[in-house]
Protein backbone atom coordinates (compact mmCIF):
# COMPACT_ATOMS: atom_id res chain seq x y z
CA MET A 1 14.23 -21.16 -5.97
CA GLY A 2 16.96 -21.75 -8.56
CA LYS A 3 20.14 -19.77 -8.09
CA TYR A 4 18.72 -18.20 -4.93
CA ALA A 5 18.52 -21.54 -3.12
CA LYS A 6 21.98 -20.84 -1.69
CA TYR A 7 20.43 -18.48 0.86
CA ALA A 8 18.40 -21.24 2.48
CA LYS A 9 21.43 -23.34 3.46
CA HIS A 10 22.74 -20.54 5.65
CA ALA A 11 19.52 -20.41 7.69
CA LYS A 12 20.69 -22.75 10.46
CA ARG A 13 23.87 -20.74 11.05
CA LEU A 14 21.84 -17.55 10.95
CA LEU A 15 19.33 -18.77 13.52
CA ILE A 16 22.12 -19.70 15.94
CA ALA A 17 23.63 -16.22 15.58
CA LEU A 18 20.21 -14.64 15.89
CA ALA A 19 19.45 -16.52 19.09
CA ALA A 20 22.70 -15.29 20.63
CA ALA A 21 22.00 -11.72 19.55
CA MET A 22 18.48 -11.87 20.97
CA LEU A 23 19.77 -13.03 24.36
CA LEU A 24 22.16 -10.10 24.43
CA GLN A 25 19.40 -7.71 23.39
CA LEU A 26 17.12 -8.99 26.13
CA ALA A 27 19.84 -8.41 28.67
CA ALA A 28 20.37 -4.90 27.39
CA CYS A 29 16.64 -4.21 27.43
CA ALA A 30 16.53 -5.13 31.11
CA THR A 31 18.88 -2.27 31.93
CA ALA A 32 18.00 0.31 29.28
CA GLY A 33 14.85 2.38 29.55
CA GLY A 34 12.77 4.14 26.92
CA GLY A 35 12.89 3.26 23.25
CA ALA A 36 10.82 3.50 20.12
CA ARG A 37 7.15 2.66 19.79
CA GLN A 38 7.93 -0.55 17.97
CA GLN A 39 10.43 -2.98 19.41
CA ALA A 40 12.96 -4.43 17.00
CA PRO A 41 16.39 -6.01 17.06
CA ALA A 42 19.19 -3.46 16.82
CA SER A 43 19.35 -2.73 13.12
CA GLY A 44 22.16 -4.17 11.12
CA GLY A 45 20.92 -7.67 10.46
CA ALA A 46 20.68 -10.95 12.28
CA ALA A 47 24.37 -11.76 12.00
CA GLU A 48 25.59 -9.02 14.33
CA SER A 49 28.47 -9.99 16.59
CA ALA A 50 28.16 -10.05 20.36
CA GLY A 51 30.19 -6.87 20.62
CA THR A 52 27.88 -5.05 18.24
CA ALA A 53 24.77 -6.11 20.11
CA GLU A 54 26.21 -5.04 23.45
CA SER A 55 27.27 -1.64 22.18
CA ALA A 56 23.91 -0.77 20.66
CA GLY A 57 22.73 1.11 23.73
CA ALA A 58 18.99 0.69 24.23
CA ALA A 59 19.12 -2.62 22.36
CA GLY A 60 15.98 -3.88 20.70
CA THR A 61 14.74 -0.47 19.55
CA ALA A 62 14.59 0.86 16.03
CA GLU A 63 15.69 4.29 17.26
CA THR A 64 19.17 3.12 18.17
CA ALA A 65 19.80 1.38 14.85
CA GLU A 66 22.04 4.08 13.49
CA THR A 67 24.60 3.60 16.28
CA ALA A 68 24.93 -0.17 16.04
CA GLY A 69 27.80 -2.04 14.43
CA THR A 70 30.99 -1.44 12.54
CA ALA A 71 30.41 0.26 9.22
CA GLY A 72 30.48 -1.84 6.09
CA THR A 73 31.28 -5.22 7.66
CA VAL A 74 29.56 -8.56 7.43
CA GLN A 75 28.87 -8.53 11.16
CA ASP A 76 27.26 -5.12 10.79
CA ALA A 77 25.05 -5.90 7.83
CA GLY A 78 24.84 -9.65 7.46
CA GLY A 79 26.75 -9.33 4.22
CA PRO A 80 27.70 -11.99 1.66
CA ALA A 81 31.41 -11.21 1.48
CA GLY A 82 32.60 -14.07 3.68
CA GLU A 83 33.16 -14.53 7.37
CA GLY A 84 34.31 -11.24 8.87
CA GLY A 85 35.06 -9.78 5.45
CA GLU A 86 34.40 -6.30 4.14
CA LEU A 87 31.36 -5.74 1.97
CA GLU A 88 32.13 -4.95 -1.64
CA PHE A 89 30.83 -1.54 -2.73
CA VAL A 90 27.70 -1.82 -4.91
CA SER A 91 25.06 0.49 -6.29
CA VAL A 92 21.43 -0.40 -5.57
CA LYS A 93 18.80 1.07 -7.87
CA MET A 94 15.16 1.51 -6.83
CA VAL A 95 12.43 2.15 -9.41
CA LEU A 96 9.12 3.61 -8.28
CA PRO A 97 6.37 6.05 -9.29
CA ALA A 98 6.87 9.52 -7.82
CA ASP A 99 6.92 13.20 -8.67
CA PRO A 100 10.34 14.78 -9.29
CA GLN A 101 11.80 16.67 -6.32
CA LYS A 102 13.90 19.82 -6.65
CA ASP A 103 16.33 18.71 -3.93
CA GLN A 104 16.41 15.00 -4.81
CA ASP A 105 20.15 14.98 -5.59
CA MET A 106 20.99 16.86 -2.39
CA VAL A 107 19.05 14.46 -0.17
CA GLN A 108 20.23 11.40 -2.05
CA ALA A 109 23.84 12.44 -1.50
CA GLU A 110 23.19 12.65 2.25
CA TRP A 111 21.58 9.23 2.59
CA ASN A 112 24.32 7.70 0.45
CA LYS A 113 26.98 9.04 2.83
CA TYR A 114 25.20 7.13 5.54
CA LEU A 115 24.67 3.98 3.47
CA LYS A 116 28.36 3.98 2.54
CA GLU A 117 29.11 3.65 6.25
CA ARG A 118 26.35 1.17 7.04
CA LEU A 119 26.29 -1.13 3.99
CA ASN A 120 29.11 0.10 1.71
CA CYS A 121 26.60 0.84 -1.00
CA GLU A 122 24.67 3.66 -2.59
CA LEU A 123 20.94 3.76 -3.25
CA THR A 124 19.64 5.65 -6.27
CA ILE A 125 15.95 6.21 -6.95
CA GLU A 126 14.54 6.45 -10.45
CA ALA A 127 11.13 8.11 -10.26
CA LEU A 128 8.69 7.26 -13.04
CA PRO A 129 5.87 9.69 -13.91
CA TRP A 130 2.61 8.58 -12.35
CA ASP A 131 0.61 8.76 -15.56
CA SER A 132 2.92 6.39 -17.42
CA GLN A 133 4.74 4.51 -14.67
CA ARG A 134 3.14 1.12 -15.26
CA ASP A 135 3.88 1.05 -19.00
CA LYS A 136 7.44 2.25 -18.41
CA LEU A 137 8.09 -0.30 -15.68
CA THR A 138 6.71 -3.14 -17.81
CA ALA A 139 9.07 -2.17 -20.63
CA MET A 140 12.07 -1.86 -18.27
CA LEU A 141 11.44 -5.28 -16.73
CA ALA A 142 10.95 -6.92 -20.12
CA ALA A 143 14.18 -5.40 -21.44
CA GLY A 144 16.15 -6.57 -18.40
CA GLU A 145 17.15 -3.01 -17.61
CA ALA A 146 19.45 -2.69 -14.60
CA MET A 147 17.48 -2.34 -11.38
CA ASP A 148 17.32 -3.93 -7.95
CA LEU A 149 14.36 -2.73 -5.89
CA VAL A 150 11.01 -2.27 -7.61
CA PHE A 151 7.80 -0.76 -6.30
CA THR A 152 4.97 -3.23 -6.70
CA ALA A 153 1.36 -3.65 -5.61
CA GLY A 154 -1.64 -5.80 -6.35
CA TRP A 155 -3.11 -2.94 -8.38
CA ASN A 156 0.21 -2.33 -10.12
CA GLY A 157 1.03 -5.67 -11.70
CA TYR A 158 2.36 -7.67 -8.75
CA TYR A 159 0.67 -10.94 -9.69
CA SER A 160 1.33 -10.67 -13.43
CA ASP A 161 4.96 -9.64 -12.88
CA VAL A 162 5.57 -12.64 -10.63
CA ALA A 163 3.97 -14.90 -13.26
CA LYS A 164 6.41 -13.50 -15.83
CA GLY A 165 9.41 -14.20 -13.58
CA ALA A 166 10.16 -10.50 -13.06
CA PHE A 167 10.83 -10.85 -9.30
CA ILE A 168 12.86 -13.28 -7.22
CA PRO A 169 11.56 -15.21 -4.18
CA LEU A 170 12.57 -13.53 -0.94
CA ASP A 171 12.22 -16.01 1.92
CA GLY A 172 15.89 -17.00 1.96
CA LEU A 173 17.05 -13.39 1.75
CA VAL A 174 14.69 -12.38 4.55
CA GLU A 175 16.09 -15.08 6.82
CA LEU A 176 19.64 -13.94 6.16
CA TYR A 177 19.38 -10.18 5.87
CA GLY A 178 15.86 -9.07 6.80
CA GLN A 179 15.39 -10.09 10.42
CA ASP A 180 14.86 -6.54 11.73
CA MET A 181 12.11 -6.02 9.20
CA LYS A 182 10.59 -9.41 9.98
CA ALA A 183 10.46 -8.56 13.69
CA LEU A 184 8.42 -5.43 12.94
CA ILE A 185 6.07 -6.51 10.16
CA ASP A 186 2.58 -7.79 10.86
CA PRO A 187 2.65 -11.50 9.87
CA LEU A 188 -0.61 -10.99 7.97
CA TYR A 189 1.34 -8.99 5.37
CA LEU A 190 3.64 -11.91 4.68
CA GLN A 191 0.74 -14.36 4.69
CA GLY A 192 -1.35 -12.38 2.23
CA SER A 193 1.42 -11.47 -0.21
CA ARG A 194 2.61 -15.03 -0.88
CA ILE A 195 2.04 -16.65 -4.28
CA LYS A 196 2.03 -20.44 -4.31
CA GLY A 197 3.72 -20.34 -0.92
CA GLU A 198 6.57 -18.05 -2.02
CA LEU A 199 7.18 -14.48 -0.84
CA TYR A 200 7.94 -12.02 -3.66
CA MET A 201 7.40 -8.62 -2.05
CA ILE A 202 7.94 -6.88 1.28
CA PRO A 203 4.75 -4.87 1.83
CA THR A 204 4.85 -1.38 3.28
CA ASN A 205 4.06 -1.27 6.99
CA LYS A 206 1.03 1.01 6.90
CA GLU A 207 -2.69 0.37 7.09
CA ILE A 208 -2.96 -3.35 6.40
CA ALA A 209 -6.73 -3.10 6.13
CA GLU A 210 -8.52 -1.33 3.30
CA GLY A 211 -11.70 0.62 3.58
CA HIS A 212 -13.43 2.94 1.13
CA CYS A 213 -15.52 5.91 2.14
CA MET A 214 -17.21 9.11 1.03
CA TRP A 215 -15.92 12.52 2.05
CA PHE A 216 -18.27 15.54 2.18
CA VAL A 217 -17.12 19.17 2.19
CA ALA A 218 -17.80 20.40 5.73
CA GLU A 219 -18.56 23.99 4.71
CA LEU A 220 -21.49 22.93 2.53
CA VAL A 221 -22.75 20.39 5.06
CA GLU A 222 -22.89 23.13 7.68
CA LYS A 223 -24.27 25.75 5.28
CA TYR A 224 -27.35 23.64 4.53
CA ASN A 225 -27.62 22.06 7.98
CA MET A 226 -27.33 18.56 6.56
CA GLU A 227 -27.46 15.51 8.79
CA LEU A 228 -24.87 12.83 8.00
CA ALA A 229 -24.64 9.42 9.64
CA PRO A 230 -21.45 7.33 9.58
CA ASP A 231 -23.20 4.30 8.03
CA MET A 232 -25.03 6.03 5.16
CA THR A 233 -25.23 4.13 1.88
CA ILE A 234 -25.50 5.56 -1.62
CA GLU A 235 -29.32 5.54 -1.52
CA ASP A 236 -29.17 7.94 1.43
CA PHE A 237 -27.20 10.57 -0.48
CA GLU A 238 -30.06 11.60 -2.79
CA PRO A 239 -31.52 14.45 -0.66
CA LEU A 240 -28.03 15.80 -0.03
CA TYR A 241 -27.21 15.84 -3.72
CA ARG A 242 -30.58 17.36 -4.58
CA THR A 243 -29.89 20.26 -2.20
CA ILE A 244 -26.54 20.99 -3.80
CA LYS A 245 -27.94 20.66 -7.33
CA GLU A 246 -30.72 23.14 -6.56
CA ASN A 247 -28.66 25.69 -4.65
CA GLU A 248 -25.05 25.53 -5.86
CA PRO A 249 -24.97 25.89 -9.67
CA ASN A 250 -21.16 25.85 -9.82
CA VAL A 251 -20.73 22.75 -7.64
CA SER A 252 -21.08 19.14 -8.76
CA PRO A 253 -22.88 17.09 -6.09
CA MET A 254 -20.58 14.11 -6.49
CA THR A 255 -17.55 12.65 -8.18
CA SER A 256 -17.79 10.38 -11.19
CA GLU A 257 -16.08 7.68 -9.15
CA LEU A 258 -19.01 6.96 -6.82
CA ASP A 259 -18.50 3.24 -7.42
CA PHE A 260 -15.23 3.38 -5.46
CA TYR A 261 -17.55 3.59 -2.45
CA GLY A 262 -20.53 1.90 -4.07
CA VAL A 263 -22.21 0.55 -0.92
CA THR A 264 -25.95 -0.06 -1.00
CA LYS A 265 -27.93 -1.41 1.92
CA GLU A 266 -28.03 -4.87 0.31
CA ILE A 267 -24.29 -4.87 -0.37
CA ALA A 268 -23.69 -3.92 3.27
CA ALA A 269 -25.96 -6.77 4.40
CA ASN A 270 -23.93 -9.28 2.35
CA ASN A 271 -20.49 -7.97 3.28
CA ASP A 272 -19.73 -10.81 5.69
CA LYS A 273 -21.15 -13.47 3.35
CA PHE A 274 -19.23 -12.82 0.12
CA GLY A 275 -15.70 -11.74 -0.76
CA GLU A 276 -14.12 -10.67 -4.06
CA ILE A 277 -11.22 -12.71 -5.43
CA PRO A 278 -8.11 -10.46 -5.57
CA GLY A 279 -7.20 -9.43 -9.10
CA PHE A 280 -10.41 -10.91 -10.49
CA ASP A 281 -13.02 -8.88 -8.66
CA TYR A 282 -15.81 -9.97 -11.01
CA LEU A 283 -15.62 -13.28 -9.11
CA MET A 284 -16.83 -13.65 -5.54
CA VAL A 285 -16.54 -16.46 -3.00
CA GLU A 286 -19.61 -17.25 -0.93
CA TYR A 287 -18.00 -17.92 2.43
CA GLY A 288 -20.62 -20.31 3.74
CA THR A 289 -20.72 -22.66 0.76
CA GLY A 290 -17.37 -22.05 -0.91
CA GLU A 291 -19.16 -21.48 -4.22
CA ILE A 292 -17.65 -19.10 -6.80
CA VAL A 293 -20.09 -16.72 -8.50
CA CYS A 294 -19.95 -13.85 -10.99
CA LYS A 295 -21.06 -10.68 -9.25
CA TYR A 296 -22.77 -9.31 -12.37
CA GLY A 297 -25.30 -12.11 -11.98
CA LEU A 298 -26.22 -11.30 -8.38
CA ASP A 299 -29.44 -9.30 -8.07
CA TRP A 300 -28.50 -7.79 -4.70
CA TYR A 301 -25.19 -6.57 -6.12
CA VAL A 302 -26.27 -5.06 -9.44
CA LYS A 303 -29.09 -2.96 -7.96
CA LYS A 304 -26.49 -0.25 -7.32
CA TYR A 305 -26.40 0.43 -11.07
CA ASP A 306 -30.05 1.50 -10.92
CA ILE A 307 -29.07 4.16 -8.38
CA TYR A 308 -26.19 5.34 -10.55
CA ARG A 309 -28.59 5.64 -13.49
CA ASP A 310 -31.01 7.69 -11.38
CA TYR A 311 -28.22 10.03 -10.27
CA TYR A 312 -26.98 10.38 -13.85
CA ASN A 313 -30.44 11.37 -15.07
CA LYS A 314 -30.72 13.94 -12.28
CA GLY A 315 -27.37 15.49 -13.19
CA TYR A 316 -25.62 14.68 -9.92
CA PHE A 317 -22.46 13.23 -11.50
CA SER A 318 -19.64 15.54 -12.50
CA ARG A 319 -19.65 15.37 -16.31
CA ASP A 320 -16.19 16.93 -16.49
CA MET A 321 -14.82 14.00 -14.48
CA GLN A 322 -16.68 11.50 -16.61
CA ASP A 323 -15.10 13.09 -19.67
CA LYS A 324 -11.68 12.88 -17.94
CA LYS A 325 -11.28 16.65 -18.07
CA LEU A 326 -10.36 16.87 -14.40
CA THR A 327 -9.86 14.72 -11.33
CA GLN A 328 -11.89 14.87 -8.14
CA GLU A 329 -8.87 16.45 -6.43
CA ASP A 330 -8.76 19.21 -9.08
CA ALA A 331 -12.46 19.88 -8.56
CA LEU A 332 -12.08 19.93 -4.79
CA LYS A 333 -9.27 22.48 -4.99
CA ALA A 334 -11.42 24.60 -7.31
CA ARG A 335 -14.32 24.36 -4.82
CA THR A 336 -16.58 22.83 -7.47
CA LEU A 337 -17.20 19.46 -5.78
CA PHE A 338 -19.38 18.54 -2.79
CA SER A 339 -18.42 14.89 -2.22
CA LEU A 340 -15.60 12.61 -3.24
CA THR A 341 -14.51 9.04 -2.67
CA GLY A 342 -11.39 8.07 -0.77
CA MET A 343 -9.69 5.77 1.69
CA ASN A 344 -11.06 5.14 5.15
CA LYS A 345 -7.99 5.29 7.36
CA PRO A 346 -6.61 7.32 10.27
CA GLY A 347 -5.44 10.84 9.51
CA GLU A 348 -6.93 10.91 6.01
CA ALA A 349 -9.30 13.81 6.73
CA GLU A 350 -6.39 16.01 7.81
CA LEU A 351 -4.38 15.05 4.74
CA ILE A 352 -7.28 15.95 2.41
CA GLN A 353 -7.74 19.25 4.22
CA GLN A 354 -4.05 20.10 3.92
CA ALA A 355 -3.65 19.00 0.30
CA ASN A 356 -6.66 21.01 -0.85
CA ASN A 357 -6.43 24.01 1.51
CA LEU A 358 -9.88 23.36 2.98
CA SER A 359 -11.06 25.42 5.95
CA ALA A 360 -12.03 22.26 7.85
CA PRO A 361 -11.49 18.51 7.48
CA PRO A 362 -14.09 16.83 5.28
CA ILE A 363 -16.77 14.68 6.93
CA LYS A 364 -16.51 10.92 6.49
CA VAL A 365 -19.22 8.37 5.74
CA ALA A 366 -18.27 4.68 5.72
CA ALA A 367 -20.98 2.01 5.91
CA LEU A 368 -18.55 -0.92 5.84
CA PRO A 369 -15.68 -1.56 8.27
CA PRO A 370 -12.13 -1.71 6.91
CA LYS A 371 -11.20 -5.23 5.82
CA THR A 372 -7.92 -7.10 5.69
CA ASP A 373 -7.86 -9.40 2.68
CA THR A 374 -5.29 -10.72 0.25
CA TYR A 375 -5.50 -7.62 -1.91
CA SER A 376 -5.10 -5.17 0.97
CA THR A 377 -1.89 -6.89 2.08
CA VAL A 378 -0.32 -6.19 -1.31
CA GLY A 379 -1.37 -2.54 -1.46
CA ALA A 380 2.24 -1.31 -1.75
CA GLY A 381 5.75 -2.60 -1.23
CA LEU A 382 9.10 -3.54 -2.71
CA ALA A 383 10.19 -6.52 -4.78
CA ILE A 384 13.69 -7.45 -5.94
CA ALA A 385 14.02 -7.65 -9.72
CA SER A 386 15.26 -10.87 -11.30
CA GLN A 387 17.96 -8.88 -13.11
CA SER A 388 19.37 -7.52 -9.84
CA LYS A 389 23.15 -7.92 -9.54
CA ALA A 390 23.04 -7.30 -5.78
CA PRO A 391 19.96 -9.01 -4.29
CA GLU A 392 21.67 -9.47 -0.92
CA ARG A 393 22.42 -5.77 -0.55
CA ALA A 394 18.95 -4.91 -1.82
CA MET A 395 17.46 -6.93 1.03
CA MET A 396 19.84 -5.30 3.51
CA ALA A 397 18.61 -1.93 2.25
CA ILE A 398 14.99 -3.01 2.77
CA ASN A 399 15.93 -4.08 6.29
CA LEU A 400 17.32 -0.64 7.11
CA LEU A 401 14.40 1.15 5.44
CA TRP A 402 12.26 -0.57 8.04
CA SER A 403 14.40 -0.21 11.13
CA ASP A 404 17.07 2.49 10.88
CA GLN A 405 15.59 5.78 12.04
CA LYS A 406 18.32 7.99 10.55
CA LEU A 407 17.90 6.45 7.10
CA ILE A 408 14.10 6.52 7.35
CA ASP A 409 14.13 10.23 8.24
CA LEU A 410 16.51 11.10 5.42
CA ILE A 411 14.71 9.27 2.63
CA GLN A 412 11.18 10.05 3.75
CA SER A 413 11.55 13.61 5.09
CA GLY A 414 14.81 15.02 3.74
CA ILE A 415 17.50 16.93 5.62
CA GLU A 416 16.62 18.20 9.06
CA GLY A 417 16.83 21.98 9.24
CA VAL A 418 16.48 22.29 5.47
CA HIS A 419 13.30 20.43 4.56
CA TYR A 420 11.75 20.17 8.02
CA VAL A 421 12.44 20.89 11.66
CA LYS A 422 11.62 18.49 14.46
CA ASP A 423 9.02 19.41 17.03
CA PRO A 424 10.76 19.29 20.42
CA GLY A 425 7.47 18.57 22.15
CA GLU A 426 6.33 15.58 20.08
CA ARG A 427 8.55 12.62 19.17
CA TRP A 428 7.08 12.03 15.72
CA HIS A 429 6.02 15.54 14.69
CA LYS A 430 7.92 17.63 12.17
CA ASN A 431 7.27 21.27 11.29
CA LEU A 432 7.83 23.32 8.18
CA PRO A 433 11.03 25.37 8.09
CA GLU A 434 10.64 29.05 8.84
CA GLY A 435 9.25 30.98 5.89
CA VAL A 436 7.85 27.89 4.12
CA ALA A 437 4.06 27.75 3.78
CA ASN A 438 3.44 24.25 2.38
CA PRO A 439 5.26 20.89 2.34
CA SER A 440 5.38 21.05 -1.45
CA ASP A 441 7.49 24.23 -1.17
CA THR A 442 10.29 22.66 0.89
CA GLY A 443 12.08 21.23 -2.15
CA TYR A 444 11.69 17.68 -0.88
CA ASN A 445 8.31 16.14 -0.16
CA PRO A 446 8.35 12.95 -2.27
CA GLY A 447 5.43 11.11 -0.69
CA TYR A 448 7.35 7.86 -0.37
CA PHE A 449 5.81 7.16 3.04
CA TRP A 450 3.26 4.67 1.71
CA LEU A 451 5.32 3.27 -1.16
CA PHE A 452 7.90 1.38 0.87
CA GLY A 453 9.37 0.81 4.30
CA ASN A 454 7.91 1.30 7.73
CA ASP A 455 5.34 4.08 7.85
CA MET A 456 4.97 3.52 11.59
CA GLN A 457 8.47 5.03 11.99
CA ASN A 458 7.93 8.00 9.68
CA LEU A 459 7.84 11.56 10.95
CA ILE A 460 4.46 13.25 10.47
CA TRP A 461 3.52 16.88 9.92
CA ASP A 462 2.46 18.86 12.96
CA ASN A 463 -1.16 19.20 11.78
CA GLU A 464 -1.59 15.42 11.93
CA PRO A 465 -2.59 13.68 15.16
CA ALA A 466 0.38 13.06 17.44
CA ASP A 467 -0.89 9.52 17.98
CA LYS A 468 -1.42 8.80 14.26
CA HIS A 469 0.80 5.72 14.31
CA GLU A 470 -0.99 4.34 17.34
CA GLN A 471 -4.28 4.98 15.52
CA TYR A 472 -2.97 2.95 12.58
CA GLN A 473 -2.00 0.07 14.84
CA LYS A 474 -5.49 0.02 16.37
CA PHE A 475 -7.06 0.38 12.91
CA ASN A 476 -5.15 -2.69 11.73
CA ALA A 477 -5.94 -4.70 14.84
CA ASP A 478 -9.67 -3.92 14.72
CA ALA A 479 -10.18 -4.54 10.99
CA TYR A 480 -12.40 -7.33 9.74
CA LYS A 481 -10.22 -10.28 8.64
CA SER A 482 -11.40 -11.86 5.40
CA PRO A 483 -12.05 -15.62 5.63
CA ILE A 484 -10.17 -16.02 2.33
CA LEU A 485 -7.08 -14.04 3.33
CA GLY A 486 -4.13 -15.55 1.47
CA PHE A 487 -6.11 -17.04 -1.42
CA TYR A 488 -4.83 -16.06 -4.85
CA PHE A 489 -6.31 -17.26 -8.13
CA ASP A 490 -3.73 -18.29 -10.73
CA PRO A 491 -5.24 -17.73 -14.20
CA GLU A 492 -2.54 -19.68 -16.07
CA ASN A 493 -4.94 -22.45 -17.19
CA VAL A 494 -7.62 -20.02 -18.38
CA LYS A 495 -5.56 -17.09 -19.68
CA THR A 496 -7.49 -16.82 -22.94
CA GLU A 497 -10.79 -16.68 -21.10
CA THR A 498 -9.68 -14.18 -18.44
CA THR A 499 -8.25 -11.88 -21.10
CA ALA A 500 -11.53 -11.94 -23.03
CA ILE A 501 -13.55 -11.38 -19.85
CA SER A 502 -11.39 -8.40 -18.88
CA ASN A 503 -12.02 -6.86 -22.30
CA VAL A 504 -15.78 -7.27 -21.90
CA ILE A 505 -15.79 -5.71 -18.44
CA GLU A 506 -13.60 -2.82 -19.54
CA THR A 507 -15.99 -2.13 -22.43
CA TYR A 508 -19.01 -1.80 -20.15
CA ARG A 509 -17.50 -0.67 -16.85
CA GLU A 510 -17.89 3.09 -17.23
CA ILE A 511 -21.29 2.74 -18.86
CA LEU A 512 -22.51 0.99 -15.71
CA ILE A 513 -20.74 2.95 -12.98
CA TYR A 514 -21.48 6.34 -14.55
CA GLY A 515 -25.15 5.45 -15.11
CA MET A 516 -24.91 6.19 -18.82
CA ALA A 517 -27.39 3.51 -19.98
CA GLU A 518 -30.29 1.45 -18.65
CA PRO A 519 -28.72 -1.15 -16.34
CA ALA A 520 -31.06 -4.05 -17.12
CA GLU A 521 -30.34 -3.94 -20.84
CA THR A 522 -26.62 -3.34 -20.33
CA LEU A 523 -26.24 -6.19 -17.83
CA GLU A 524 -28.03 -8.57 -20.19
CA GLN A 525 -25.42 -7.76 -22.82
CA VAL A 526 -22.60 -8.10 -20.29
CA MET A 527 -23.71 -11.53 -19.06
CA GLY A 528 -24.18 -12.78 -22.62
CA LYS A 529 -20.67 -11.73 -23.60
CA LEU A 530 -19.17 -13.10 -20.37
CA ASP A 531 -20.78 -16.47 -21.08
CA ALA A 532 -19.39 -16.41 -24.61
CA SER A 533 -15.95 -15.49 -23.25
CA GLY A 534 -15.81 -18.55 -21.02
CA ILE A 535 -16.83 -17.26 -17.59
CA GLY A 536 -18.06 -20.77 -16.76
CA ARG A 537 -14.61 -22.29 -17.32
CA VAL A 538 -12.99 -19.56 -15.22
CA ILE A 539 -15.43 -20.16 -12.36
CA GLU A 540 -14.73 -23.89 -12.56
CA GLU A 541 -10.95 -23.32 -12.39
CA ALA A 542 -11.29 -20.81 -9.56
CA LYS A 543 -13.44 -23.25 -7.61
CA LYS A 544 -10.85 -26.02 -8.07
CA GLN A 545 -8.03 -23.79 -6.82
CA TYR A 546 -10.10 -22.45 -3.94
CA ASP A 547 -10.97 -25.94 -2.74
CA GLU A 548 -7.28 -26.94 -2.89
CA TRP A 549 -6.27 -23.82 -0.96
CA LYS A 550 -9.00 -24.36 1.61
CA ALA A 551 -7.88 -27.93 2.17
CA GLN A 552 -4.32 -26.76 2.91
CA ALA A 553 -5.22 -23.68 4.96
């Protein structure tokens, strides 16, 4: 752990203090009723003094976090300033992808007033444009630009950034300054996001499982009296798409991104037998044998490309999307799209309806159950950059972003009475201010809720189910748990080969998933070039690492 090893030596002292605080919290819980949905130690860190714990009110709840402790002290925040000393003022910078908000400065000033009291720090957010955020972040990390907290995800460079040394290990910091967060997070998140046993990110507490689905516009389903079943696969969509093609000349039957769903009957039948390796999804593990295979060589897998080719020839794909002229969201808003792909999770239908001003929620089809695997546990979260000058305070900030309701409400929803008003009848509902028609018109609707922190403590709009968070908890609990959860393939020994393989797949990916050429001929070319690129050596290395991981699991 290098220079961060100093945090580990304080663990014993921390655990003693934590045990004392927990006893006091249990005593308080025995006399205090009510509380938040999720139980957590009174926010302010594991090193709170006995007096702080006793004065927290309904101790053990995230809701009372804002009242606990003495502002800006080590006891209050578990700070590094020395026993009983004041925390030095620092600025913590967070870098993430987000759209600019008109009232960002106003809201940021409010949460920094609060953070000055709680942690003697300020938190600034640098929002990177979505269309260029990855390139910009890569350049900022490489240049050692000043930053502390960094949005990361498996799909956004988490594994490669860790390999480059861009992030610091977090276990020691979590033990010292992240105990409130640790008490709330599902342990599967921390299990799945480790690399070689080390924790480098704190995942967002949201849907831990991932499921893909198709959404169909309800108006058109009802107009043509279509029958949809929840477990339909892509073969079953043909008569639906034919009806739209023949009767709605201005509507594309489906998105170009059909492969995001991409479930055939044979793929569904093999779902509990094979699993993709995170970050290298051209490789699959056969659970029963432990063998590693290339999915482009599996007959039952590649048959889906024949269906895509058929749909392409029949004109069901949106050509404008294939040509990158518009997104499926743009087409949905313009009422020129019948079906689109998306995430299978609670409340998603209502969000799609609201975002696209639909008259009714779209209808969902999902043949496969949501699955918790290594990749889904690193879907979004925060890392601490290696160039951070204040890693301790950055972890304290993460801790409060998980457990302190006042801070959560400010950063995620803005200023009460200005950007939203609370619903007096529902604990977690918020309403639009009077005279405001849409969340995007409030001046502050940043969409941070899934990027970081504890989404189970976020306020939700009044058109979302009042029990949305409870639905998420059930969704997570019921999800299929991958047998290879926690396995990560390190490509260090075969970097040349994996780079060449990625180039081959990128060359042919859209040709296959858009149905633009005959699959049999295209796949023959793909497999030939994968062999030449060293796919055999990559499979051999992946098998070696998998066997080692399996032996230790």
